[in-house]
Amino acid sequence: MPIAEFMRNLPAIDIPFPDDVVSTNVIRSDDGLAVFFTFHKTVDLPAHFHKAQWGTVLQGKIELTIEGHTRSYRPGETYSIPSGATHSARIVAGTVVLDVFEEPDRYSLRA
């Protein structure tokens, strides 16, 4: 399910991928950051860690490895990454996810 057109007008964040690979739309508060990620090309995210993250797949497929355990997630499925857990992912082209980060400043808003 693609996100609503008005949501595509929400601000974007600075990430190390060009817009033709991944586009973003965010809602930020003092307590967290909600990001709609739309993957236009397949992306392999290397292992990394940060504070807690919760996500749900809206469209497509994500293969997520958390602390050495790999699982695939499809539309309607959710995942929770504990604070400090090492994780990596393979996200196929066409995937749309909503990720909510514990850190409100996890990513900077794009100027």
N, C-alpha and C. Protein backbone atom coordinates (compact mmCIF):
# COMPACT_ATOMS: atom_id res chain seq x y z
N MET A 1 0.85 -1.17 0.00
CA MET A 1 0.00 0.00 0.00
C MET A 1 0.89 1.23 0.00
N PRO A 2 0.86 2.01 -1.05
CA PRO A 2 1.65 3.24 -1.06
C PRO A 2 1.08 4.23 -0.05
N ILE A 3 1.93 5.11 0.44
CA ILE A 3 1.45 6.08 1.42
C ILE A 3 0.65 7.17 0.71
N ALA A 4 -0.23 7.83 1.46
CA ALA A 4 -1.11 8.85 0.91
C ALA A 4 -0.31 10.03 0.36
N GLU A 5 -0.85 10.66 -0.65
CA GLU A 5 -0.15 11.76 -1.32
C GLU A 5 0.22 12.88 -0.34
N PHE A 6 -0.69 13.23 0.59
CA PHE A 6 -0.38 14.32 1.52
C PHE A 6 0.80 13.96 2.42
N MET A 7 1.00 12.65 2.67
CA MET A 7 2.12 12.22 3.50
C MET A 7 3.44 12.37 2.76
N ARG A 8 3.40 12.33 1.45
CA ARG A 8 4.62 12.53 0.66
C ARG A 8 5.11 13.98 0.74
N ASN A 9 4.27 14.87 1.27
CA ASN A 9 4.67 16.25 1.48
C ASN A 9 5.32 16.49 2.83
N LEU A 10 5.37 15.43 3.68
CA LEU A 10 6.05 15.55 4.96
C LEU A 10 7.55 15.70 4.70
N PRO A 11 8.28 16.28 5.66
CA PRO A 11 9.72 16.48 5.44
C PRO A 11 10.46 15.17 5.22
N ALA A 12 11.61 15.27 4.57
CA ALA A 12 12.51 14.14 4.35
C ALA A 12 13.65 14.22 5.35
N ILE A 13 14.40 13.13 5.47
CA ILE A 13 15.57 13.10 6.34
C ILE A 13 16.82 12.90 5.51
N ASP A 14 17.95 13.26 6.12
CA ASP A 14 19.25 13.01 5.48
C ASP A 14 19.67 11.58 5.77
N ILE A 15 19.78 10.79 4.71
CA ILE A 15 20.28 9.42 4.82
C ILE A 15 21.32 9.22 3.72
N PRO A 16 22.16 8.21 3.86
CA PRO A 16 23.25 8.04 2.87
C PRO A 16 22.82 7.33 1.58
N PHE A 17 21.61 7.61 1.11
CA PHE A 17 21.11 7.04 -0.14
C PHE A 17 20.44 8.14 -0.94
N PRO A 18 20.61 8.13 -2.27
CA PRO A 18 19.91 9.13 -3.08
C PRO A 18 18.41 8.82 -3.16
N ASP A 19 17.63 9.84 -3.50
CA ASP A 19 16.16 9.71 -3.57
C ASP A 19 15.69 8.66 -4.57
N ASP A 20 16.49 8.37 -5.58
CA ASP A 20 16.05 7.35 -6.54
C ASP A 20 16.24 5.93 -5.99
N VAL A 21 16.92 5.82 -4.84
CA VAL A 21 17.08 4.52 -4.16
C VAL A 21 16.08 4.40 -3.02
N VAL A 22 16.04 5.41 -2.16
CA VAL A 22 15.13 5.43 -1.01
C VAL A 22 14.61 6.84 -0.82
N SER A 23 13.30 6.98 -0.70
CA SER A 23 12.74 8.28 -0.34
C SER A 23 12.12 8.16 1.05
N THR A 24 12.08 9.29 1.75
CA THR A 24 11.61 9.30 3.14
C THR A 24 10.62 10.43 3.38
N ASN A 25 9.75 10.18 4.34
CA ASN A 25 8.80 11.19 4.83
C ASN A 25 8.68 10.97 6.32
N VAL A 26 8.80 12.04 7.13
CA VAL A 26 8.90 11.88 8.57
C VAL A 26 7.91 12.70 9.36
N ILE A 27 7.64 12.18 10.56
CA ILE A 27 6.92 12.91 11.59
C ILE A 27 7.82 12.85 12.82
N ARG A 28 8.13 14.01 13.37
CA ARG A 28 9.08 14.07 14.49
C ARG A 28 8.41 14.70 15.70
N SER A 29 8.74 14.16 16.87
CA SER A 29 8.31 14.77 18.13
C SER A 29 9.52 14.84 19.05
N ASP A 30 9.34 15.37 20.24
CA ASP A 30 10.43 15.41 21.21
C ASP A 30 10.78 14.02 21.72
N ASP A 31 9.88 13.06 21.54
CA ASP A 31 10.07 11.73 22.10
C ASP A 31 10.40 10.64 21.09
N GLY A 32 10.35 10.94 19.81
CA GLY A 32 10.65 9.90 18.82
C GLY A 32 10.55 10.43 17.41
N LEU A 33 10.83 9.54 16.47
CA LEU A 33 10.85 9.89 15.05
C LEU A 33 10.16 8.77 14.28
N ALA A 34 9.13 9.09 13.52
CA ALA A 34 8.43 8.12 12.67
C ALA A 34 8.80 8.41 11.23
N VAL A 35 9.30 7.37 10.52
CA VAL A 35 9.78 7.55 9.16
C VAL A 35 9.10 6.56 8.22
N PHE A 36 8.51 7.07 7.16
CA PHE A 36 8.02 6.23 6.07
C PHE A 36 9.17 6.12 5.08
N PHE A 37 9.69 4.90 4.90
CA PHE A 37 10.75 4.65 3.93
C PHE A 37 10.13 3.98 2.70
N THR A 38 10.38 4.53 1.52
CA THR A 38 9.94 3.93 0.26
C THR A 38 11.20 3.54 -0.51
N PHE A 39 11.38 2.23 -0.72
CA PHE A 39 12.58 1.71 -1.37
C PHE A 39 12.30 1.51 -2.86
N HIS A 40 12.96 2.32 -3.68
CA HIS A 40 12.79 2.25 -5.12
C HIS A 40 13.73 1.22 -5.75
N LYS A 41 14.80 0.91 -5.04
CA LYS A 41 15.77 -0.11 -5.46
C LYS A 41 16.07 -0.99 -4.26
N THR A 42 16.55 -2.20 -4.51
CA THR A 42 16.91 -3.10 -3.42
C THR A 42 18.11 -2.52 -2.66
N VAL A 43 18.03 -2.60 -1.33
CA VAL A 43 19.08 -2.03 -0.47
C VAL A 43 19.53 -3.09 0.53
N ASP A 44 20.83 -3.18 0.71
CA ASP A 44 21.42 -4.02 1.76
C ASP A 44 22.01 -3.07 2.81
N LEU A 45 21.42 -3.09 4.01
CA LEU A 45 21.92 -2.26 5.09
C LEU A 45 22.93 -3.06 5.90
N PRO A 46 24.14 -2.54 6.10
CA PRO A 46 25.14 -3.28 6.88
C PRO A 46 24.77 -3.31 8.37
N ALA A 47 25.40 -4.20 9.09
CA ALA A 47 25.14 -4.33 10.53
C ALA A 47 25.45 -3.00 11.23
N HIS A 48 24.54 -2.63 12.13
CA HIS A 48 24.69 -1.40 12.90
C HIS A 48 23.82 -1.52 14.15
N PHE A 49 23.86 -0.52 15.00
CA PHE A 49 23.02 -0.52 16.20
C PHE A 49 22.72 0.92 16.61
N HIS A 50 21.67 1.09 17.37
CA HIS A 50 21.25 2.38 17.89
C HIS A 50 20.19 2.11 18.95
N LYS A 51 19.50 3.12 19.40
CA LYS A 51 18.43 2.91 20.38
C LYS A 51 17.27 2.16 19.72
N ALA A 52 16.23 1.89 20.48
CA ALA A 52 15.12 1.04 20.03
C ALA A 52 14.45 1.53 18.75
N GLN A 53 13.96 0.56 17.98
CA GLN A 53 13.26 0.82 16.72
C GLN A 53 12.12 -0.19 16.59
N TRP A 54 10.97 0.28 16.16
CA TRP A 54 9.82 -0.57 15.87
C TRP A 54 9.42 -0.28 14.43
N GLY A 55 9.00 -1.32 13.70
CA GLY A 55 8.60 -1.09 12.32
C GLY A 55 7.50 -2.02 11.87
N THR A 56 6.87 -1.63 10.78
CA THR A 56 5.86 -2.45 10.14
C THR A 56 6.00 -2.33 8.63
N VAL A 57 5.82 -3.44 7.95
CA VAL A 57 5.91 -3.46 6.50
C VAL A 57 4.53 -3.12 5.94
N LEU A 58 4.48 -2.10 5.10
CA LEU A 58 3.23 -1.70 4.46
C LEU A 58 3.09 -2.34 3.08
N GLN A 59 4.22 -2.56 2.44
CA GLN A 59 4.24 -3.13 1.08
C GLN A 59 5.62 -3.74 0.86
N GLY A 60 5.68 -4.87 0.18
CA GLY A 60 6.96 -5.47 -0.18
C GLY A 60 7.46 -6.47 0.85
N LYS A 61 8.80 -6.50 1.00
CA LYS A 61 9.43 -7.50 1.86
C LYS A 61 10.75 -6.97 2.41
N ILE A 62 10.99 -7.27 3.67
CA ILE A 62 12.26 -6.94 4.31
C ILE A 62 12.79 -8.19 4.99
N GLU A 63 14.07 -8.46 4.79
CA GLU A 63 14.73 -9.55 5.50
C GLU A 63 15.62 -8.91 6.55
N LEU A 64 15.30 -9.14 7.81
CA LEU A 64 15.95 -8.45 8.91
C LEU A 64 16.71 -9.45 9.76
N THR A 65 17.96 -9.14 10.05
CA THR A 65 18.77 -9.96 10.94
C THR A 65 19.01 -9.15 12.21
N ILE A 66 18.53 -9.68 13.34
CA ILE A 66 18.69 -9.03 14.64
C ILE A 66 19.48 -9.97 15.53
N GLU A 67 20.65 -9.52 15.97
CA GLU A 67 21.50 -10.33 16.85
C GLU A 67 21.71 -11.74 16.30
N GLY A 68 21.93 -11.83 14.99
CA GLY A 68 22.23 -13.11 14.35
C GLY A 68 21.04 -13.95 13.94
N HIS A 69 19.83 -13.51 14.24
CA HIS A 69 18.61 -14.25 13.87
C HIS A 69 17.93 -13.54 12.70
N THR A 70 17.74 -14.25 11.59
CA THR A 70 17.18 -13.67 10.37
C THR A 70 15.75 -14.12 10.19
N ARG A 71 14.90 -13.15 9.80
CA ARG A 71 13.50 -13.43 9.52
C ARG A 71 13.02 -12.48 8.42
N SER A 72 12.13 -12.97 7.58
CA SER A 72 11.50 -12.13 6.54
C SER A 72 10.19 -11.59 7.06
N TYR A 73 9.91 -10.34 6.70
CA TYR A 73 8.66 -9.67 7.09
C TYR A 73 7.95 -9.20 5.83
N ARG A 74 6.64 -9.37 5.82
CA ARG A 74 5.79 -8.99 4.69
C ARG A 74 4.71 -8.03 5.17
N PRO A 75 3.90 -7.50 4.26
CA PRO A 75 2.88 -6.52 4.66
C PRO A 75 2.03 -6.98 5.85
N GLY A 76 1.89 -6.05 6.79
CA GLY A 76 1.10 -6.30 7.98
C GLY A 76 1.90 -6.85 9.14
N GLU A 77 3.15 -7.27 8.88
CA GLU A 77 3.98 -7.81 9.95
C GLU A 77 4.83 -6.71 10.56
N THR A 78 5.09 -6.85 11.87
CA THR A 78 5.86 -5.85 12.59
C THR A 78 7.13 -6.47 13.16
N TYR A 79 8.09 -5.61 13.45
CA TYR A 79 9.34 -6.03 14.07
C TYR A 79 9.72 -5.02 15.13
N SER A 80 10.47 -5.50 16.10
CA SER A 80 10.93 -4.64 17.18
C SER A 80 12.41 -4.92 17.40
N ILE A 81 13.21 -3.89 17.33
CA ILE A 81 14.65 -4.01 17.52
C ILE A 81 15.00 -3.34 18.84
N PRO A 82 15.45 -4.13 19.81
CA PRO A 82 15.77 -3.55 21.12
C PRO A 82 16.93 -2.56 21.04
N SER A 83 16.97 -1.65 21.97
CA SER A 83 18.06 -0.68 22.05
C SER A 83 19.40 -1.41 22.14
N GLY A 84 20.34 -1.01 21.28
CA GLY A 84 21.68 -1.58 21.29
C GLY A 84 21.84 -2.89 20.54
N ALA A 85 20.76 -3.46 19.99
CA ALA A 85 20.85 -4.73 19.27
C ALA A 85 21.48 -4.52 17.90
N THR A 86 22.47 -5.33 17.56
CA THR A 86 23.08 -5.27 16.25
C THR A 86 22.11 -5.86 15.23
N HIS A 87 21.90 -5.15 14.13
CA HIS A 87 20.96 -5.61 13.11
C HIS A 87 21.41 -5.15 11.73
N SER A 88 20.96 -5.90 10.72
CA SER A 88 21.20 -5.57 9.32
C SER A 88 19.93 -5.94 8.56
N ALA A 89 19.84 -5.51 7.30
CA ALA A 89 18.62 -5.78 6.55
C ALA A 89 18.88 -5.82 5.06
N ARG A 90 18.04 -6.57 4.38
CA ARG A 90 17.95 -6.54 2.91
C ARG A 90 16.51 -6.18 2.62
N ILE A 91 16.32 -5.05 1.93
CA ILE A 91 14.99 -4.55 1.63
C ILE A 91 14.85 -4.53 0.11
N VAL A 92 13.84 -5.24 -0.39
CA VAL A 92 13.68 -5.35 -1.84
C VAL A 92 12.99 -4.11 -2.42
N ALA A 93 13.30 -3.83 -3.68
CA ALA A 93 12.70 -2.71 -4.39
C ALA A 93 11.19 -2.81 -4.31
N GLY A 94 10.52 -1.67 -4.10
CA GLY A 94 9.07 -1.63 -4.01
C GLY A 94 8.54 -1.71 -2.60
N THR A 95 9.44 -1.91 -1.63
CA THR A 95 9.02 -2.03 -0.24
C THR A 95 8.76 -0.66 0.37
N VAL A 96 7.70 -0.59 1.19
CA VAL A 96 7.38 0.60 1.97
C VAL A 96 7.26 0.15 3.42
N VAL A 97 8.00 0.80 4.32
CA VAL A 97 7.93 0.48 5.74
C VAL A 97 7.73 1.76 6.54
N LEU A 98 7.14 1.58 7.70
CA LEU A 98 7.05 2.65 8.69
C LEU A 98 7.94 2.23 9.84
N ASP A 99 8.98 3.00 10.12
CA ASP A 99 9.86 2.74 11.25
C ASP A 99 9.71 3.87 12.25
N VAL A 100 9.62 3.50 13.53
CA VAL A 100 9.54 4.48 14.61
C VAL A 100 10.78 4.29 15.48
N PHE A 101 11.53 5.36 15.64
CA PHE A 101 12.78 5.33 16.38
C PHE A 101 12.61 6.01 17.74
N GLU A 102 13.21 5.40 18.75
CA GLU A 102 13.20 5.97 20.10
C GLU A 102 13.90 7.32 20.14
N GLU A 103 14.89 7.48 19.28
CA GLU A 103 15.68 8.71 19.25
C GLU A 103 15.03 9.74 18.33
N PRO A 104 14.56 10.86 18.85
CA PRO A 104 13.95 11.86 17.97
C PRO A 104 14.95 12.48 17.00
N ASP A 105 16.24 12.40 17.32
CA ASP A 105 17.27 12.97 16.46
C ASP A 105 18.09 11.90 15.76
N ARG A 106 17.51 10.72 15.57
CA ARG A 106 18.21 9.61 14.89
C ARG A 106 18.72 10.07 13.53
N TYR A 107 17.90 10.82 12.81
CA TYR A 107 18.28 11.39 11.52
C TYR A 107 17.96 12.87 11.52
N SER A 108 18.74 13.64 10.80
CA SER A 108 18.48 15.07 10.66
C SER A 108 17.44 15.29 9.57
N LEU A 109 16.60 16.29 9.76
CA LEU A 109 15.69 16.68 8.70
C LEU A 109 16.50 17.29 7.57
N ARG A 110 16.09 16.99 6.35
CA ARG A 110 16.76 17.54 5.18
C ARG A 110 16.42 19.02 5.07
N ALA A 111 17.42 19.81 4.76
CA ALA A 111 17.20 21.26 4.64
C ALA A 111 16.44 21.59 3.37
